């Protein structure tokens, strides 16, 4: 476990939870420190691995960001994690974070008493897709309520799960 990465992730969770934003300075410094760490530990091969992890980490969350499912800070945070863990490590963190994020989202929806509404919407969209080949639901409300979930917590949880299971 790298204490610097863990400290950066804790900082990101605190910022994300309190302000709903992850500062660019935090993600940039975390990424640069990860690349320096890789270079000092493993030389050019480590730097190459860190750069690959940075690109893969950013790529993995780009589509959910582009579809409006998460903020840019989450994308940059996973990219910074990739700088520390390399491409395979960031894929592992991504998969574990996706599971943790799903559970966190369900818990937050239940806490805000929006779970049944969300599940009905999912069911309606699946029905619409199966029978009409479209994700759009006719009776879709004009204004949508957004469910805020601090995804930095899911990324940190994903990192800790990967470490616990012997990854990275």
N, C-alpha and C. Protein backbone atom coordinates (compact mmCIF):
# COMPACT_ATOMS: atom_id res chain seq x y z
N UNK A 1 0.85 -1.18 0.00
CA UNK A 1 0.00 0.00 0.00
C UNK A 1 0.89 1.23 0.00
N UNK A 2 0.54 2.19 -0.81
CA UNK A 2 1.29 3.42 -0.85
C UNK A 2 0.56 4.47 0.00
N UNK A 3 1.21 4.93 1.07
CA UNK A 3 0.53 5.88 1.96
C UNK A 3 0.23 7.22 1.29
N UNK A 4 1.06 7.65 0.33
CA UNK A 4 0.80 8.91 -0.35
C UNK A 4 -0.46 8.84 -1.20
N UNK A 5 -0.62 7.73 -1.92
CA UNK A 5 -1.84 7.55 -2.72
C UNK A 5 -3.06 7.48 -1.81
N UNK A 6 -2.96 6.74 -0.72
CA UNK A 6 -4.08 6.61 0.20
C UNK A 6 -4.44 7.97 0.82
N UNK A 7 -3.44 8.75 1.17
CA UNK A 7 -3.69 10.08 1.73
C UNK A 7 -4.37 10.98 0.70
N UNK A 8 -3.93 10.91 -0.55
CA UNK A 8 -4.56 11.68 -1.62
C UNK A 8 -6.00 11.26 -1.84
N UNK A 9 -6.26 9.95 -1.78
CA UNK A 9 -7.63 9.46 -1.96
C UNK A 9 -8.53 9.91 -0.80
N UNK A 10 -8.00 9.89 0.40
CA UNK A 10 -8.78 10.37 1.55
C UNK A 10 -9.12 11.84 1.37
N UNK A 11 -8.14 12.63 0.93
CA UNK A 11 -8.39 14.05 0.67
C UNK A 11 -9.46 14.25 -0.39
N UNK A 12 -9.40 13.44 -1.45
CA UNK A 12 -10.40 13.54 -2.52
C UNK A 12 -11.79 13.20 -2.01
N UNK A 13 -11.88 12.20 -1.16
CA UNK A 13 -13.19 11.82 -0.59
C UNK A 13 -13.74 12.96 0.26
N UNK A 14 -12.89 13.56 1.07
CA UNK A 14 -13.35 14.65 1.94
C UNK A 14 -13.84 15.83 1.09
N UNK A 15 -13.05 16.21 0.08
CA UNK A 15 -13.47 17.31 -0.79
C UNK A 15 -14.75 16.96 -1.54
N UNK A 16 -14.82 15.75 -2.07
CA UNK A 16 -15.99 15.34 -2.85
C UNK A 16 -17.24 15.33 -1.98
N UNK A 17 -17.10 14.86 -0.77
CA UNK A 17 -18.25 14.76 0.15
C UNK A 17 -18.74 16.15 0.57
N UNK A 18 -17.78 17.05 0.86
CA UNK A 18 -18.18 18.36 1.38
C UNK A 18 -18.55 19.36 0.30
N UNK A 19 -17.82 19.35 -0.83
CA UNK A 19 -18.02 20.39 -1.84
C UNK A 19 -18.57 19.86 -3.15
N UNK A 20 -18.67 18.55 -3.30
CA UNK A 20 -19.11 17.90 -4.54
C UNK A 20 -18.16 18.17 -5.69
N UNK A 21 -16.92 18.48 -5.37
CA UNK A 21 -15.88 18.69 -6.36
C UNK A 21 -14.57 18.13 -5.84
N UNK A 22 -13.74 17.67 -6.76
CA UNK A 22 -12.39 17.23 -6.43
C UNK A 22 -11.45 18.23 -7.07
N UNK A 23 -10.65 18.93 -6.29
CA UNK A 23 -9.80 19.99 -6.84
C UNK A 23 -8.81 19.47 -7.89
N UNK A 24 -8.64 20.27 -8.95
CA UNK A 24 -7.68 19.91 -9.99
C UNK A 24 -6.26 19.80 -9.43
N UNK A 25 -5.94 20.68 -8.49
CA UNK A 25 -4.61 20.64 -7.89
C UNK A 25 -4.33 19.31 -7.20
N UNK A 26 -5.34 18.77 -6.56
CA UNK A 26 -5.17 17.48 -5.89
C UNK A 26 -4.96 16.36 -6.89
N UNK A 27 -5.80 16.29 -7.91
CA UNK A 27 -5.65 15.20 -8.88
C UNK A 27 -4.36 15.33 -9.68
N UNK A 28 -4.00 16.58 -10.05
CA UNK A 28 -2.77 16.78 -10.82
C UNK A 28 -1.54 16.41 -10.00
N UNK A 29 -1.49 16.87 -8.75
CA UNK A 29 -0.33 16.54 -7.91
C UNK A 29 -0.28 15.04 -7.61
N UNK A 30 -1.42 14.42 -7.44
CA UNK A 30 -1.46 12.98 -7.20
C UNK A 30 -0.94 12.22 -8.42
N UNK A 31 -1.34 12.66 -9.61
CA UNK A 31 -0.87 12.01 -10.84
C UNK A 31 0.63 12.21 -11.03
N UNK A 32 1.12 13.45 -10.83
CA UNK A 32 2.55 13.71 -11.00
C UNK A 32 3.40 12.94 -9.99
N UNK A 33 2.92 12.88 -8.75
CA UNK A 33 3.65 12.11 -7.73
C UNK A 33 3.66 10.62 -8.08
N UNK A 34 2.55 10.13 -8.63
CA UNK A 34 2.50 8.73 -9.05
C UNK A 34 3.49 8.43 -10.16
N UNK A 35 3.59 9.34 -11.12
CA UNK A 35 4.55 9.15 -12.21
C UNK A 35 5.99 9.23 -11.69
N UNK A 36 6.26 10.17 -10.78
CA UNK A 36 7.60 10.26 -10.19
C UNK A 36 7.93 9.01 -9.39
N UNK A 37 6.96 8.52 -8.63
CA UNK A 37 7.16 7.29 -7.86
C UNK A 37 7.50 6.12 -8.78
N UNK A 38 6.72 5.98 -9.85
CA UNK A 38 6.96 4.88 -10.80
C UNK A 38 8.36 5.00 -11.40
N UNK A 39 8.75 6.21 -11.78
CA UNK A 39 10.05 6.43 -12.40
C UNK A 39 11.19 6.13 -11.42
N UNK A 40 11.06 6.60 -10.16
CA UNK A 40 12.12 6.38 -9.17
C UNK A 40 12.22 4.91 -8.78
N UNK A 41 11.12 4.20 -8.74
CA UNK A 41 11.13 2.79 -8.35
C UNK A 41 11.56 1.86 -9.48
N UNK A 42 11.06 2.12 -10.70
CA UNK A 42 11.22 1.15 -11.78
C UNK A 42 11.85 1.72 -13.04
N UNK A 43 12.30 2.96 -13.00
CA UNK A 43 12.96 3.56 -14.15
C UNK A 43 11.99 3.84 -15.29
N UNK A 44 12.51 3.74 -16.52
CA UNK A 44 11.72 4.06 -17.69
C UNK A 44 10.51 3.13 -17.82
N UNK A 45 10.68 1.85 -17.47
CA UNK A 45 9.55 0.90 -17.55
C UNK A 45 8.44 1.32 -16.59
N UNK A 46 8.80 1.80 -15.42
CA UNK A 46 7.80 2.27 -14.46
C UNK A 46 7.09 3.52 -14.95
N UNK A 47 7.87 4.44 -15.55
CA UNK A 47 7.26 5.65 -16.09
C UNK A 47 6.28 5.31 -17.22
N UNK A 48 6.67 4.36 -18.06
CA UNK A 48 5.78 3.91 -19.13
C UNK A 48 4.51 3.29 -18.57
N UNK A 49 4.68 2.47 -17.52
CA UNK A 49 3.52 1.85 -16.88
C UNK A 49 2.61 2.91 -16.25
N UNK A 50 3.22 3.90 -15.60
CA UNK A 50 2.43 4.97 -14.98
C UNK A 50 1.67 5.80 -16.01
N UNK A 51 2.34 6.10 -17.12
CA UNK A 51 1.66 6.87 -18.18
C UNK A 51 0.52 6.05 -18.79
N UNK A 52 0.77 4.76 -18.99
CA UNK A 52 -0.29 3.89 -19.52
C UNK A 52 -1.46 3.82 -18.55
N UNK A 53 -1.17 3.69 -17.28
CA UNK A 53 -2.23 3.65 -16.27
C UNK A 53 -3.01 4.94 -16.22
N UNK A 54 -2.32 6.07 -16.39
CA UNK A 54 -2.98 7.37 -16.41
C UNK A 54 -3.98 7.45 -17.57
N UNK A 55 -3.55 7.02 -18.75
CA UNK A 55 -4.43 7.06 -19.92
C UNK A 55 -5.60 6.09 -19.77
N UNK A 56 -5.31 4.87 -19.33
CA UNK A 56 -6.37 3.86 -19.16
C UNK A 56 -7.37 4.32 -18.11
N UNK A 57 -6.88 4.85 -16.99
CA UNK A 57 -7.77 5.32 -15.93
C UNK A 57 -8.70 6.42 -16.41
N UNK A 58 -8.18 7.36 -17.18
CA UNK A 58 -9.02 8.42 -17.73
C UNK A 58 -10.02 7.89 -18.74
N UNK A 59 -9.58 6.94 -19.54
CA UNK A 59 -10.44 6.37 -20.58
C UNK A 59 -11.61 5.59 -19.97
N UNK A 60 -11.36 4.87 -18.88
CA UNK A 60 -12.39 4.00 -18.29
C UNK A 60 -13.63 4.78 -17.82
N UNK A 61 -13.43 5.99 -17.33
CA UNK A 61 -14.56 6.77 -16.83
C UNK A 61 -15.00 7.87 -17.78
N UNK A 62 -14.38 7.96 -18.96
CA UNK A 62 -14.74 9.04 -19.86
C UNK A 62 -16.18 8.91 -20.36
N UNK A 63 -16.60 7.71 -20.74
CA UNK A 63 -17.97 7.54 -21.25
C UNK A 63 -19.03 7.87 -20.18
N UNK A 64 -18.90 7.36 -18.95
CA UNK A 64 -19.90 7.78 -17.94
C UNK A 64 -19.89 9.30 -17.71
N UNK A 65 -18.73 9.93 -17.79
CA UNK A 65 -18.65 11.38 -17.66
C UNK A 65 -19.35 12.06 -18.84
N UNK A 66 -19.09 11.58 -20.06
CA UNK A 66 -19.69 12.18 -21.25
C UNK A 66 -21.20 12.04 -21.25
N UNK A 67 -21.71 10.98 -20.62
CA UNK A 67 -23.16 10.78 -20.54
C UNK A 67 -23.78 11.50 -19.34
N UNK A 68 -22.97 12.21 -18.58
CA UNK A 68 -23.49 12.99 -17.46
C UNK A 68 -23.64 12.21 -16.17
N UNK A 69 -23.04 11.03 -16.10
CA UNK A 69 -23.18 10.19 -14.92
C UNK A 69 -22.23 10.52 -13.79
N UNK A 70 -21.19 11.29 -14.08
CA UNK A 70 -20.24 11.66 -13.03
C UNK A 70 -19.47 12.90 -13.45
N UNK A 71 -18.75 13.45 -12.50
CA UNK A 71 -18.00 14.68 -12.77
C UNK A 71 -16.61 14.41 -13.32
N UNK A 72 -16.01 15.46 -13.85
CA UNK A 72 -14.67 15.35 -14.42
C UNK A 72 -13.63 15.03 -13.35
N UNK A 73 -13.88 15.48 -12.12
CA UNK A 73 -12.94 15.19 -11.04
C UNK A 73 -12.80 13.70 -10.78
N UNK A 74 -13.89 12.96 -10.93
CA UNK A 74 -13.84 11.51 -10.75
C UNK A 74 -12.98 10.86 -11.83
N UNK A 75 -13.10 11.35 -13.06
CA UNK A 75 -12.30 10.83 -14.18
C UNK A 75 -10.83 11.09 -13.91
N UNK A 76 -10.51 12.33 -13.51
CA UNK A 76 -9.11 12.70 -13.25
C UNK A 76 -8.55 11.94 -12.04
N UNK A 77 -9.41 11.67 -11.06
CA UNK A 77 -8.95 10.93 -9.89
C UNK A 77 -8.58 9.50 -10.27
N UNK A 78 -9.42 8.84 -11.07
CA UNK A 78 -9.09 7.47 -11.48
C UNK A 78 -7.84 7.47 -12.37
N UNK A 79 -7.68 8.49 -13.19
CA UNK A 79 -6.46 8.59 -14.01
C UNK A 79 -5.24 8.73 -13.11
N UNK A 80 -5.35 9.53 -12.05
CA UNK A 80 -4.23 9.68 -11.10
C UNK A 80 -3.92 8.36 -10.40
N UNK A 81 -4.95 7.61 -10.06
CA UNK A 81 -4.74 6.28 -9.46
C UNK A 81 -3.99 5.40 -10.45
N UNK A 82 -4.34 5.52 -11.73
CA UNK A 82 -3.66 4.74 -12.76
C UNK A 82 -2.18 5.07 -12.85
N UNK A 83 -1.81 6.34 -12.59
CA UNK A 83 -0.40 6.70 -12.59
C UNK A 83 0.37 5.95 -11.52
N UNK A 84 -0.27 5.66 -10.42
CA UNK A 84 0.36 4.91 -9.33
C UNK A 84 0.34 3.40 -9.55
N UNK A 85 -0.75 2.89 -10.11
CA UNK A 85 -0.95 1.44 -10.16
C UNK A 85 -0.63 0.81 -11.50
N UNK A 86 -0.52 1.60 -12.55
CA UNK A 86 -0.30 1.04 -13.88
C UNK A 86 -1.62 0.63 -14.51
N UNK A 87 -1.58 0.19 -15.78
CA UNK A 87 -2.84 -0.08 -16.50
C UNK A 87 -3.65 -1.24 -15.91
N UNK A 88 -3.02 -2.34 -15.57
CA UNK A 88 -3.78 -3.46 -15.04
C UNK A 88 -4.32 -3.14 -13.64
N UNK A 89 -3.53 -2.46 -12.85
CA UNK A 89 -3.98 -2.09 -11.51
C UNK A 89 -5.18 -1.17 -11.55
N UNK A 90 -5.19 -0.20 -12.48
CA UNK A 90 -6.31 0.73 -12.54
C UNK A 90 -7.57 0.04 -13.07
N UNK A 91 -7.42 -0.96 -13.92
CA UNK A 91 -8.59 -1.72 -14.37
C UNK A 91 -9.19 -2.46 -13.18
N UNK A 92 -8.35 -3.04 -12.34
CA UNK A 92 -8.83 -3.74 -11.15
C UNK A 92 -9.55 -2.76 -10.21
N UNK A 93 -8.94 -1.60 -9.99
CA UNK A 93 -9.56 -0.59 -9.12
C UNK A 93 -10.89 -0.14 -9.72
N UNK A 94 -10.93 0.06 -11.04
CA UNK A 94 -12.16 0.46 -11.71
C UNK A 94 -13.29 -0.54 -11.49
N UNK A 95 -12.98 -1.83 -11.65
CA UNK A 95 -14.02 -2.86 -11.48
C UNK A 95 -14.52 -2.92 -10.04
N UNK A 96 -13.58 -2.86 -9.08
CA UNK A 96 -13.98 -2.87 -7.67
C UNK A 96 -14.75 -1.60 -7.32
N UNK A 97 -14.33 -0.45 -7.88
CA UNK A 97 -15.03 0.81 -7.62
C UNK A 97 -16.42 0.81 -8.23
N UNK A 98 -16.59 0.15 -9.36
CA UNK A 98 -17.92 0.08 -9.98
C UNK A 98 -18.90 -0.67 -9.07
N UNK A 99 -18.43 -1.74 -8.46
CA UNK A 99 -19.28 -2.49 -7.53
C UNK A 99 -19.55 -1.65 -6.28
N UNK A 100 -18.49 -1.06 -5.73
CA UNK A 100 -18.66 -0.22 -4.54
C UNK A 100 -19.55 0.98 -4.84
N UNK A 101 -19.38 1.59 -6.00
CA UNK A 101 -20.20 2.74 -6.38
C UNK A 101 -21.66 2.38 -6.55
N UNK A 102 -21.92 1.19 -7.10
CA UNK A 102 -23.30 0.74 -7.25
C UNK A 102 -23.96 0.56 -5.89
N UNK A 103 -23.24 -0.06 -4.97
CA UNK A 103 -23.78 -0.25 -3.62
C UNK A 103 -23.98 1.08 -2.90
N UNK A 104 -23.02 1.98 -3.09
CA UNK A 104 -23.12 3.31 -2.49
C UNK A 104 -24.32 4.07 -3.06
N UNK A 105 -24.53 3.93 -4.35
CA UNK A 105 -25.66 4.60 -5.01
C UNK A 105 -27.00 4.05 -4.49
N UNK A 106 -27.09 2.74 -4.36
CA UNK A 106 -28.32 2.14 -3.82
C UNK A 106 -28.57 2.59 -2.38
N UNK A 107 -27.52 2.63 -1.58
CA UNK A 107 -27.66 3.05 -0.19
C UNK A 107 -28.09 4.52 -0.11
N UNK A 108 -27.49 5.36 -0.95
CA UNK A 108 -27.84 6.78 -0.94
C UNK A 108 -29.26 6.99 -1.44
N UNK A 109 -29.67 6.24 -2.46
CA UNK A 109 -31.05 6.34 -2.96
C UNK A 109 -32.04 5.92 -1.89
N UNK A 110 -31.72 4.87 -1.15
CA UNK A 110 -32.59 4.42 -0.07
C UNK A 110 -32.64 5.47 1.05
N UNK A 111 -31.48 6.06 1.36
CA UNK A 111 -31.43 7.07 2.41
C UNK A 111 -32.28 8.29 2.04
N UNK A 112 -32.25 8.68 0.76
CA UNK A 112 -33.01 9.83 0.31
C UNK A 112 -34.45 9.47 -0.08
N UNK A 113 -34.83 8.22 0.15
CA UNK A 113 -36.17 7.73 -0.15
C UNK A 113 -36.52 7.89 -1.64
N UNK A 114 -35.54 7.61 -2.51
CA UNK A 114 -35.73 7.68 -3.95
C UNK A 114 -35.53 6.33 -4.62
N UNK A 115 -35.29 5.29 -3.84
CA UNK A 115 -34.94 3.98 -4.40
C UNK A 115 -36.07 3.41 -5.25
N UNK A 116 -37.32 3.45 -4.76
CA UNK A 116 -38.42 2.86 -5.52
C UNK A 116 -38.64 3.62 -6.83
N UNK A 117 -38.49 4.93 -6.80
CA UNK A 117 -38.65 5.74 -8.01
C UNK A 117 -37.57 5.39 -9.04
N UNK A 118 -36.34 5.22 -8.59
CA UNK A 118 -35.24 4.87 -9.48
C UNK A 118 -35.43 3.48 -10.07
N UNK A 119 -35.84 2.54 -9.23
CA UNK A 119 -36.05 1.17 -9.73
C UNK A 119 -37.21 1.11 -10.73
N UNK A 120 -38.26 1.89 -10.50
CA UNK A 120 -39.37 1.95 -11.46
C UNK A 120 -38.90 2.54 -12.79
N UNK A 121 -38.07 3.55 -12.72
CA UNK A 121 -37.55 4.17 -13.93
C UNK A 121 -36.67 3.18 -14.71
N UNK A 122 -35.84 2.43 -14.01
CA UNK A 122 -35.00 1.42 -14.67
C UNK A 122 -35.88 0.36 -15.32
N UNK A 123 -36.87 -0.09 -14.60
CA UNK A 123 -37.79 -1.10 -15.15
C UNK A 123 -38.50 -0.57 -16.40
N UNK A 124 -38.95 0.67 -16.36
CA UNK A 124 -39.64 1.27 -17.51
C UNK A 124 -38.70 1.40 -18.70
N UNK A 125 -37.47 1.76 -18.46
CA UNK A 125 -36.50 1.90 -19.56
C UNK A 125 -36.17 0.54 -20.17
N UNK A 126 -36.00 -0.48 -19.35
CA UNK A 126 -35.73 -1.82 -19.88
C UNK A 126 -36.93 -2.32 -20.69
N UNK A 127 -38.13 -2.13 -20.17
CA UNK A 127 -39.34 -2.52 -20.90
C UNK A 127 -39.40 -1.79 -22.24
N UNK A 128 -39.14 -0.49 -22.22
CA UNK A 128 -39.17 0.31 -23.44
C UNK A 128 -38.12 -0.18 -24.44
N UNK A 129 -36.96 -0.54 -23.96
CA UNK A 129 -35.91 -1.01 -24.86
C UNK A 129 -36.26 -2.37 -25.46
N UNK A 130 -36.75 -3.28 -24.62
CA UNK A 130 -37.08 -4.63 -25.09
C UNK A 130 -38.20 -4.59 -26.13
N UNK A 131 -39.23 -3.80 -25.89
CA UNK A 131 -40.38 -3.81 -26.78
C UNK A 131 -40.34 -2.75 -27.89
N UNK A 132 -39.67 -1.63 -27.64
CA UNK A 132 -39.68 -0.54 -28.62
C UNK A 132 -38.30 -0.18 -29.13
N UNK A 133 -37.26 -0.86 -28.63
CA UNK A 133 -35.87 -0.63 -29.04
C UNK A 133 -35.42 0.82 -28.83
N UNK A 134 -35.91 1.43 -27.78
CA UNK A 134 -35.48 2.78 -27.41
C UNK A 134 -35.38 2.86 -25.88
N UNK A 135 -34.43 3.65 -25.39
CA UNK A 135 -34.28 3.82 -23.94
C UNK A 135 -35.22 4.90 -23.41
N UNK A 136 -35.80 5.68 -24.29
CA UNK A 136 -36.66 6.78 -23.88
C UNK A 136 -38.01 6.26 -23.40
N UNK A 137 -38.45 6.79 -22.30
CA UNK A 137 -39.76 6.43 -21.75
C UNK A 137 -40.70 7.59 -22.05
N UNK A 138 -41.90 7.28 -22.57
CA UNK A 138 -42.82 8.34 -22.99
C UNK A 138 -43.24 9.24 -21.84
N UNK A 139 -43.53 8.70 -20.71
CA UNK A 139 -44.01 9.50 -19.59
C UNK A 139 -42.86 10.02 -18.73
N UNK A 140 -41.71 10.24 -19.35
CA UNK A 140 -40.55 10.71 -18.61
C UNK A 140 -40.76 12.14 -18.12
N UNK A 141 -40.46 12.40 -16.86
CA UNK A 141 -40.67 13.74 -16.33
C UNK A 141 -39.74 14.76 -17.00
N UNK A 142 -40.20 16.00 -17.06
CA UNK A 142 -39.41 17.07 -17.69
C UNK A 142 -38.18 17.42 -16.86
N UNK A 143 -38.35 17.41 -15.55
CA UNK A 143 -37.21 17.71 -14.69
C UNK A 143 -36.83 16.46 -13.93
N UNK A 144 -35.55 16.21 -13.90
CA UNK A 144 -35.07 15.02 -13.20
C UNK A 144 -34.41 15.43 -11.90
N UNK A 145 -34.64 14.64 -10.88
CA UNK A 145 -33.94 14.85 -9.63
C UNK A 145 -32.61 14.10 -9.74
N UNK A 146 -31.54 14.77 -9.36
CA UNK A 146 -30.23 14.13 -9.43
C UNK A 146 -29.90 13.51 -8.08
N UNK A 147 -29.28 12.38 -8.14
CA UNK A 147 -28.83 11.68 -6.94
C UNK A 147 -27.33 11.87 -6.85
N UNK A 148 -26.87 12.61 -5.85
CA UNK A 148 -25.44 12.85 -5.71
C UNK A 148 -24.80 11.73 -4.92
N UNK A 149 -23.78 11.13 -5.50
CA UNK A 149 -23.00 10.10 -4.84
C UNK A 149 -21.53 10.49 -5.00
N UNK A 150 -20.81 10.67 -3.89
CA UNK A 150 -19.39 11.04 -3.99
C UNK A 150 -18.57 9.85 -4.48
N UNK A 151 -18.33 9.80 -5.79
CA UNK A 151 -17.70 8.63 -6.39
C UNK A 151 -16.24 8.46 -5.97
N UNK A 152 -15.64 9.53 -5.42
CA UNK A 152 -14.28 9.39 -4.90
C UNK A 152 -14.24 8.33 -3.80
N UNK A 153 -15.31 8.22 -3.04
CA UNK A 153 -15.38 7.19 -1.99
C UNK A 153 -15.38 5.79 -2.61
N UNK A 154 -16.06 5.64 -3.74
CA UNK A 154 -16.08 4.34 -4.42
C UNK A 154 -14.69 4.02 -4.98
N UNK A 155 -14.01 5.02 -5.52
CA UNK A 155 -12.65 4.80 -6.06
C UNK A 155 -11.70 4.39 -4.95
N UNK A 156 -11.78 5.09 -3.81
CA UNK A 156 -10.91 4.73 -2.69
C UNK A 156 -11.25 3.33 -2.18
N UNK A 157 -12.52 3.01 -2.08
CA UNK A 157 -12.93 1.67 -1.65
C UNK A 157 -12.43 0.63 -2.64
N UNK A 158 -12.55 0.91 -3.93
CA UNK A 158 -12.04 -0.01 -4.94
C UNK A 158 -10.55 -0.25 -4.79
N UNK A 159 -9.80 0.81 -4.53
CA UNK A 159 -8.35 0.68 -4.32
C UNK A 159 -8.05 -0.19 -3.10
N UNK A 160 -8.78 0.04 -2.00
CA UNK A 160 -8.55 -0.74 -0.79
C UNK A 160 -8.94 -2.21 -0.98
N UNK A 161 -10.00 -2.47 -1.71
CA UNK A 161 -10.42 -3.86 -1.99
C UNK A 161 -9.36 -4.56 -2.82
N UNK A 162 -8.85 -3.88 -3.83
CA UNK A 162 -7.79 -4.48 -4.68
C UNK A 162 -6.56 -4.79 -3.83
N UNK A 163 -6.19 -3.88 -2.95
CA UNK A 163 -5.05 -4.13 -2.06
C UNK A 163 -5.32 -5.33 -1.15
N UNK A 164 -6.51 -5.37 -0.59
CA UNK A 164 -6.87 -6.47 0.32
C UNK A 164 -6.83 -7.81 -0.39
N UNK A 165 -7.25 -7.84 -1.66
CA UNK A 165 -7.27 -9.09 -2.41
C UNK A 165 -5.92 -9.42 -3.04
N UNK A 166 -4.92 -8.58 -2.78
CA UNK A 166 -3.58 -8.88 -3.25
C UNK A 166 -3.23 -8.31 -4.60
N UNK A 167 -3.98 -7.34 -5.06
CA UNK A 167 -3.69 -6.73 -6.36
C UNK A 167 -2.66 -5.65 -6.26
N UNK A 168 -2.49 -4.92 -7.35
CA UNK A 168 -1.54 -3.82 -7.52
C UNK A 168 -0.19 -4.40 -7.46
